[in-house]
Every structure is written in structure tokens, then in C-alpha cells.
Amino acid sequence: MFKYILQRFILDILYFPLWWYTRGFTRTIKFALRSVADAERQIALGIWLKAMFKPMFQDYTWEGRMVSFFMRIMLLIFKIVMFGAWVIGAILIIIAWTGLPIIAVWLLWLAFRI
């Protein structure tokens, strides 16, 4: 039994980098893309762009149109910044996924070199 456990442990250690940079990497990319798509759906940038020139609260006076236009501009800027931060976060997750094992091996090498 000890021999089997030792073999599995060694095989898992050898298989880990292959899994990390193939199947694990594709899962991470799918997660990041799904996360960005969900964020876009929650922020609803397309709907805000379509409704840009429609008055808010059915106020069709020129003052109402002007206030709603500038209010929507401010909200649209905020939403674009939020969405951009989300995309940058997803990209950082992908970069961290690729670099984490390399950094871990480098830190182990620094710790054990004497």
C-alpha cells in the first residue's frame, strides 16, 4: 500500500505542471471570459448606450432632456470605469495563473540554496 501511495504521489507531482498549463489554464480562461460577460450583463452598457438620448422619467422638456443626458453621461463613465477594472482584474487572474508556479519554484530555490 505504501508503494502505491508513493507512486501516485510522484505521478501527481510530475503531472501537475502539465495539468496546470493545459486543462487548468483553459478553465481559468473560461472563468475569466464568463466573469467578464457576466459583468457586462450586470452593468448593461449596451442598454445604457441605446437609451442615451431618451429622456429619463418621461420628462420631454428640453431641461429634462439635458439633465437626463448629462446624468447618463456621468453614469456611463462610471460604468465604463467599473467594467474596465473588471476586465483588468480578469487579465491579472490569467497572468497570475501562468506565473504562480514559476514564482513558487523560484522562491523555493531561493529558500533552499545555501
N, C-alpha and C. Protein backbone atom coordinates (compact mmCIF):
# COMPACT_ATOMS: atom_id res chain seq x y z
N MET A 1 0.83 -1.18 0.00
CA MET A 1 0.00 0.00 0.00
C MET A 1 0.88 1.26 0.00
N PHE A 2 1.95 1.25 0.77
CA PHE A 2 2.85 2.40 0.82
C PHE A 2 3.47 2.65 -0.55
N LYS A 3 3.79 1.57 -1.25
CA LYS A 3 4.38 1.69 -2.58
C LYS A 3 3.40 2.36 -3.55
N TYR A 4 2.14 1.98 -3.49
CA TYR A 4 1.11 2.57 -4.36
C TYR A 4 0.94 4.06 -4.05
N ILE A 5 0.89 4.41 -2.78
CA ILE A 5 0.73 5.82 -2.39
C ILE A 5 1.93 6.63 -2.86
N LEU A 6 3.11 6.10 -2.72
CA LEU A 6 4.33 6.79 -3.16
C LEU A 6 4.33 6.98 -4.68
N GLN A 7 3.92 5.94 -5.42
CA GLN A 7 3.85 6.06 -6.88
C GLN A 7 2.83 7.12 -7.29
N ARG A 8 1.66 7.11 -6.68
CA ARG A 8 0.64 8.11 -7.01
C ARG A 8 1.12 9.53 -6.68
N PHE A 9 1.81 9.65 -5.56
CA PHE A 9 2.32 10.96 -5.15
C PHE A 9 3.35 11.47 -6.17
N ILE A 10 4.25 10.62 -6.59
CA ILE A 10 5.27 11.02 -7.57
C ILE A 10 4.62 11.33 -8.91
N LEU A 11 3.68 10.50 -9.35
CA LEU A 11 2.99 10.76 -10.62
C LEU A 11 2.19 12.06 -10.58
N ASP A 12 1.55 12.32 -9.44
CA ASP A 12 0.80 13.57 -9.31
C ASP A 12 1.73 14.78 -9.37
N ILE A 13 2.88 14.67 -8.76
CA ILE A 13 3.84 15.78 -8.81
C ILE A 13 4.33 16.00 -10.23
N LEU A 14 4.59 14.92 -10.95
CA LEU A 14 5.04 15.06 -12.34
C LEU A 14 3.93 15.53 -13.26
N TYR A 15 2.68 15.16 -12.98
CA TYR A 15 1.55 15.54 -13.83
C TYR A 15 1.09 16.97 -13.57
N PHE A 16 1.38 17.49 -12.39
CA PHE A 16 0.87 18.81 -12.00
C PHE A 16 1.20 19.92 -13.01
N PRO A 17 2.45 20.10 -13.44
CA PRO A 17 2.72 21.19 -14.39
C PRO A 17 1.97 21.03 -15.72
N LEU A 18 1.85 19.78 -16.16
CA LEU A 18 1.11 19.54 -17.40
C LEU A 18 -0.35 19.96 -17.23
N TRP A 19 -0.97 19.56 -16.13
CA TRP A 19 -2.36 19.94 -15.88
C TRP A 19 -2.49 21.46 -15.72
N TRP A 20 -1.56 22.06 -14.97
CA TRP A 20 -1.63 23.49 -14.66
C TRP A 20 -1.63 24.34 -15.92
N TYR A 21 -0.79 23.98 -16.89
CA TYR A 21 -0.66 24.80 -18.09
C TYR A 21 -1.52 24.33 -19.25
N THR A 22 -2.31 23.27 -19.10
CA THR A 22 -3.22 22.85 -20.17
C THR A 22 -4.67 22.99 -19.69
N ARG A 23 -5.15 21.98 -18.99
CA ARG A 23 -6.55 21.97 -18.58
C ARG A 23 -6.86 23.06 -17.56
N GLY A 24 -5.98 23.26 -16.62
CA GLY A 24 -6.21 24.32 -15.62
C GLY A 24 -6.20 25.70 -16.24
N PHE A 25 -5.30 25.91 -17.21
CA PHE A 25 -5.23 27.21 -17.88
C PHE A 25 -6.48 27.48 -18.70
N THR A 26 -6.99 26.45 -19.39
CA THR A 26 -8.22 26.66 -20.17
C THR A 26 -9.41 26.92 -19.24
N ARG A 27 -9.45 26.26 -18.10
CA ARG A 27 -10.53 26.54 -17.13
C ARG A 27 -10.44 27.98 -16.62
N THR A 28 -9.23 28.44 -16.38
CA THR A 28 -9.05 29.80 -15.89
C THR A 28 -9.49 30.82 -16.95
N ILE A 29 -9.13 30.58 -18.20
CA ILE A 29 -9.55 31.49 -19.27
C ILE A 29 -11.06 31.48 -19.42
N LYS A 30 -11.68 30.30 -19.36
CA LYS A 30 -13.14 30.23 -19.45
C LYS A 30 -13.80 30.98 -18.30
N PHE A 31 -13.23 30.81 -17.09
CA PHE A 31 -13.75 31.53 -15.93
C PHE A 31 -13.66 33.04 -16.13
N ALA A 32 -12.50 33.51 -16.61
CA ALA A 32 -12.30 34.95 -16.80
C ALA A 32 -13.26 35.49 -17.86
N LEU A 33 -13.41 34.77 -18.97
CA LEU A 33 -14.33 35.23 -20.02
C LEU A 33 -15.77 35.23 -19.54
N ARG A 34 -16.16 34.20 -18.81
CA ARG A 34 -17.52 34.15 -18.28
C ARG A 34 -17.76 35.27 -17.26
N SER A 35 -16.74 35.56 -16.48
CA SER A 35 -16.83 36.63 -15.49
C SER A 35 -17.00 37.99 -16.17
N VAL A 36 -16.24 38.23 -17.23
CA VAL A 36 -16.35 39.50 -17.96
C VAL A 36 -17.71 39.61 -18.63
N ALA A 37 -18.21 38.51 -19.21
CA ALA A 37 -19.53 38.53 -19.84
C ALA A 37 -20.62 38.79 -18.80
N ASP A 38 -20.50 38.18 -17.63
CA ASP A 38 -21.49 38.43 -16.56
C ASP A 38 -21.43 39.87 -16.07
N ALA A 39 -20.24 40.41 -15.98
CA ALA A 39 -20.10 41.81 -15.55
C ALA A 39 -20.73 42.75 -16.57
N GLU A 40 -20.53 42.47 -17.86
CA GLU A 40 -21.13 43.32 -18.89
C GLU A 40 -22.65 43.23 -18.83
N ARG A 41 -23.15 42.04 -18.58
CA ARG A 41 -24.60 41.87 -18.49
C ARG A 41 -25.15 42.60 -17.26
N GLN A 42 -24.43 42.57 -16.15
CA GLN A 42 -24.90 43.25 -14.94
C GLN A 42 -24.80 44.76 -15.07
N ILE A 43 -23.73 45.24 -15.70
CA ILE A 43 -23.56 46.68 -15.87
C ILE A 43 -24.48 47.21 -16.95
N ALA A 44 -24.79 46.40 -17.95
CA ALA A 44 -25.72 46.72 -19.04
C ALA A 44 -25.28 47.94 -19.84
N LEU A 45 -24.05 47.91 -20.33
CA LEU A 45 -23.53 49.04 -21.11
C LEU A 45 -24.32 49.24 -22.40
N GLY A 46 -24.69 48.14 -23.05
CA GLY A 46 -25.44 48.26 -24.32
C GLY A 46 -26.77 48.94 -24.14
N ILE A 47 -27.47 48.62 -23.09
CA ILE A 47 -28.78 49.24 -22.83
C ILE A 47 -28.60 50.72 -22.52
N TRP A 48 -27.57 51.05 -21.76
CA TRP A 48 -27.32 52.45 -21.44
C TRP A 48 -26.98 53.25 -22.69
N LEU A 49 -26.22 52.66 -23.59
CA LEU A 49 -25.89 53.36 -24.84
C LEU A 49 -27.11 53.55 -25.72
N LYS A 50 -28.01 52.55 -25.75
CA LYS A 50 -29.23 52.68 -26.55
C LYS A 50 -30.15 53.77 -26.01
N ALA A 51 -30.19 53.91 -24.71
CA ALA A 51 -31.11 54.87 -24.08
C ALA A 51 -30.47 56.23 -23.83
N MET A 52 -29.36 56.50 -24.46
CA MET A 52 -28.59 57.71 -24.19
C MET A 52 -29.40 58.99 -24.43
N PHE A 53 -30.14 59.04 -25.50
CA PHE A 53 -30.85 60.28 -25.86
C PHE A 53 -32.33 60.24 -25.51
N LYS A 54 -32.77 59.24 -24.79
CA LYS A 54 -34.16 59.19 -24.34
C LYS A 54 -34.25 59.89 -22.99
N PRO A 55 -35.29 60.66 -22.79
CA PRO A 55 -35.40 61.38 -21.51
C PRO A 55 -35.73 60.43 -20.36
N MET A 56 -35.18 60.76 -19.20
CA MET A 56 -35.47 59.96 -18.01
C MET A 56 -36.81 60.39 -17.43
N PHE A 57 -37.54 59.45 -16.87
CA PHE A 57 -38.81 59.69 -16.18
C PHE A 57 -39.84 60.36 -17.09
N GLN A 58 -39.73 60.12 -18.40
CA GLN A 58 -40.68 60.65 -19.39
C GLN A 58 -40.80 62.17 -19.33
N ASP A 59 -39.74 62.84 -18.99
CA ASP A 59 -39.71 64.30 -18.97
C ASP A 59 -39.20 64.78 -20.33
N TYR A 60 -40.13 65.18 -21.22
CA TYR A 60 -39.78 65.53 -22.59
C TYR A 60 -39.45 67.02 -22.78
N THR A 61 -39.35 67.77 -21.71
CA THR A 61 -38.96 69.17 -21.85
C THR A 61 -37.47 69.23 -22.16
N TRP A 62 -37.01 70.37 -22.68
CA TRP A 62 -35.59 70.46 -23.03
C TRP A 62 -34.72 70.41 -21.79
N GLU A 63 -35.22 70.93 -20.66
CA GLU A 63 -34.44 70.83 -19.43
C GLU A 63 -34.33 69.38 -18.97
N GLY A 64 -35.43 68.64 -19.07
CA GLY A 64 -35.42 67.23 -18.68
C GLY A 64 -34.50 66.41 -19.56
N ARG A 65 -34.52 66.71 -20.87
CA ARG A 65 -33.64 66.01 -21.79
C ARG A 65 -32.16 66.30 -21.49
N MET A 66 -31.87 67.56 -21.17
CA MET A 66 -30.49 67.94 -20.89
C MET A 66 -29.99 67.30 -19.59
N VAL A 67 -30.81 67.35 -18.56
CA VAL A 67 -30.42 66.76 -17.28
C VAL A 67 -30.23 65.25 -17.44
N SER A 68 -31.15 64.59 -18.14
CA SER A 68 -31.02 63.14 -18.30
C SER A 68 -29.81 62.77 -19.16
N PHE A 69 -29.49 63.59 -20.18
CA PHE A 69 -28.32 63.31 -21.00
C PHE A 69 -27.04 63.39 -20.18
N PHE A 70 -26.88 64.47 -19.41
CA PHE A 70 -25.66 64.62 -18.61
C PHE A 70 -25.60 63.61 -17.46
N MET A 71 -26.74 63.28 -16.92
CA MET A 71 -26.77 62.26 -15.87
C MET A 71 -26.35 60.90 -16.44
N ARG A 72 -26.85 60.60 -17.62
CA ARG A 72 -26.48 59.34 -18.25
C ARG A 72 -25.01 59.33 -18.67
N ILE A 73 -24.48 60.47 -19.07
CA ILE A 73 -23.05 60.55 -19.39
C ILE A 73 -22.23 60.21 -18.15
N MET A 74 -22.58 60.79 -17.01
CA MET A 74 -21.85 60.53 -15.77
C MET A 74 -21.95 59.04 -15.37
N LEU A 75 -23.15 58.48 -15.45
CA LEU A 75 -23.31 57.07 -15.11
C LEU A 75 -22.58 56.17 -16.10
N LEU A 76 -22.58 56.55 -17.37
CA LEU A 76 -21.89 55.76 -18.37
C LEU A 76 -20.38 55.76 -18.15
N ILE A 77 -19.83 56.91 -17.79
CA ILE A 77 -18.40 56.99 -17.47
C ILE A 77 -18.08 56.09 -16.28
N PHE A 78 -18.90 56.15 -15.26
CA PHE A 78 -18.70 55.31 -14.07
C PHE A 78 -18.78 53.83 -14.43
N LYS A 79 -19.76 53.46 -15.24
CA LYS A 79 -19.92 52.06 -15.63
C LYS A 79 -18.77 51.58 -16.50
N ILE A 80 -18.26 52.42 -17.39
CA ILE A 80 -17.13 52.04 -18.23
C ILE A 80 -15.88 51.84 -17.37
N VAL A 81 -15.67 52.69 -16.39
CA VAL A 81 -14.53 52.53 -15.49
C VAL A 81 -14.67 51.25 -14.69
N MET A 82 -15.88 50.96 -14.21
CA MET A 82 -16.11 49.72 -13.47
C MET A 82 -15.84 48.50 -14.34
N PHE A 83 -16.33 48.53 -15.56
CA PHE A 83 -16.14 47.41 -16.47
C PHE A 83 -14.67 47.25 -16.83
N GLY A 84 -13.97 48.35 -17.05
CA GLY A 84 -12.54 48.29 -17.33
C GLY A 84 -11.76 47.69 -16.18
N ALA A 85 -12.12 48.06 -14.95
CA ALA A 85 -11.46 47.49 -13.78
C ALA A 85 -11.71 45.98 -13.71
N TRP A 86 -12.92 45.57 -14.07
CA TRP A 86 -13.25 44.14 -14.05
C TRP A 86 -12.43 43.37 -15.09
N VAL A 87 -12.29 43.95 -16.28
CA VAL A 87 -11.50 43.31 -17.34
C VAL A 87 -10.03 43.23 -16.93
N ILE A 88 -9.50 44.29 -16.34
CA ILE A 88 -8.12 44.27 -15.88
C ILE A 88 -7.94 43.21 -14.79
N GLY A 89 -8.91 43.08 -13.90
CA GLY A 89 -8.85 42.03 -12.88
C GLY A 89 -8.84 40.64 -13.48
N ALA A 90 -9.65 40.41 -14.52
CA ALA A 90 -9.68 39.10 -15.18
C ALA A 90 -8.34 38.82 -15.87
N ILE A 91 -7.75 39.82 -16.48
CA ILE A 91 -6.44 39.65 -17.12
C ILE A 91 -5.38 39.35 -16.07
N LEU A 92 -5.45 40.02 -14.93
CA LEU A 92 -4.48 39.77 -13.86
C LEU A 92 -4.61 38.36 -13.29
N ILE A 93 -5.83 37.83 -13.25
CA ILE A 93 -6.02 36.45 -12.80
C ILE A 93 -5.34 35.49 -13.75
N ILE A 94 -5.48 35.72 -15.06
CA ILE A 94 -4.84 34.85 -16.05
C ILE A 94 -3.32 34.95 -15.94
N ILE A 95 -2.81 36.16 -15.79
CA ILE A 95 -1.35 36.33 -15.65
C ILE A 95 -0.85 35.67 -14.37
N ALA A 96 -1.59 35.82 -13.29
CA ALA A 96 -1.19 35.19 -12.02
C ALA A 96 -1.21 33.67 -12.14
N TRP A 97 -2.18 33.14 -12.87
CA TRP A 97 -2.26 31.69 -13.04
C TRP A 97 -1.02 31.15 -13.76
N THR A 98 -0.58 31.89 -14.77
CA THR A 98 0.59 31.40 -15.52
C THR A 98 1.89 31.59 -14.74
N GLY A 99 1.98 32.62 -13.94
CA GLY A 99 3.24 32.91 -13.27
C GLY A 99 3.39 32.32 -11.89
N LEU A 100 2.31 31.89 -11.27
CA LEU A 100 2.39 31.42 -9.89
C LEU A 100 3.31 30.22 -9.69
N PRO A 101 3.25 29.17 -10.50
CA PRO A 101 4.19 28.06 -10.27
C PRO A 101 5.65 28.45 -10.49
N ILE A 102 5.90 29.31 -11.44
CA ILE A 102 7.27 29.76 -11.70
C ILE A 102 7.80 30.53 -10.50
N ILE A 103 6.97 31.41 -9.96
CA ILE A 103 7.37 32.19 -8.78
C ILE A 103 7.57 31.28 -7.58
N ALA A 104 6.70 30.27 -7.42
CA ALA A 104 6.83 29.34 -6.29
C ALA A 104 8.13 28.55 -6.38
N VAL A 105 8.47 28.06 -7.56
CA VAL A 105 9.72 27.32 -7.73
C VAL A 105 10.91 28.23 -7.48
N TRP A 106 10.86 29.44 -7.96
CA TRP A 106 11.95 30.40 -7.76
C TRP A 106 12.14 30.70 -6.27
N LEU A 107 11.02 30.91 -5.55
CA LEU A 107 11.12 31.18 -4.11
C LEU A 107 11.64 29.97 -3.33
N LEU A 108 11.22 28.77 -3.76
CA LEU A 108 11.77 27.57 -3.13
C LEU A 108 13.26 27.45 -3.39
N TRP A 109 13.69 27.76 -4.59
CA TRP A 109 15.11 27.70 -4.91
C TRP A 109 15.88 28.71 -4.07
N LEU A 110 15.33 29.91 -3.90
CA LEU A 110 16.00 30.91 -3.06
C LEU A 110 16.05 30.48 -1.60
N ALA A 111 14.99 29.82 -1.13
CA ALA A 111 14.93 29.42 0.27
C ALA A 111 15.90 28.30 0.57
N PHE A 112 16.11 27.39 -0.38
CA PHE A 112 16.93 26.21 -0.09
C PHE A 112 18.36 26.30 -0.59
N ARG A 113 18.73 27.34 -1.28
CA ARG A 113 20.12 27.44 -1.69
C ARG A 113 20.95 27.92 -0.50
N ILE A 114 22.01 27.25 -0.29
CA ILE A 114 22.85 27.58 0.85
C ILE A 114 24.29 27.65 0.40
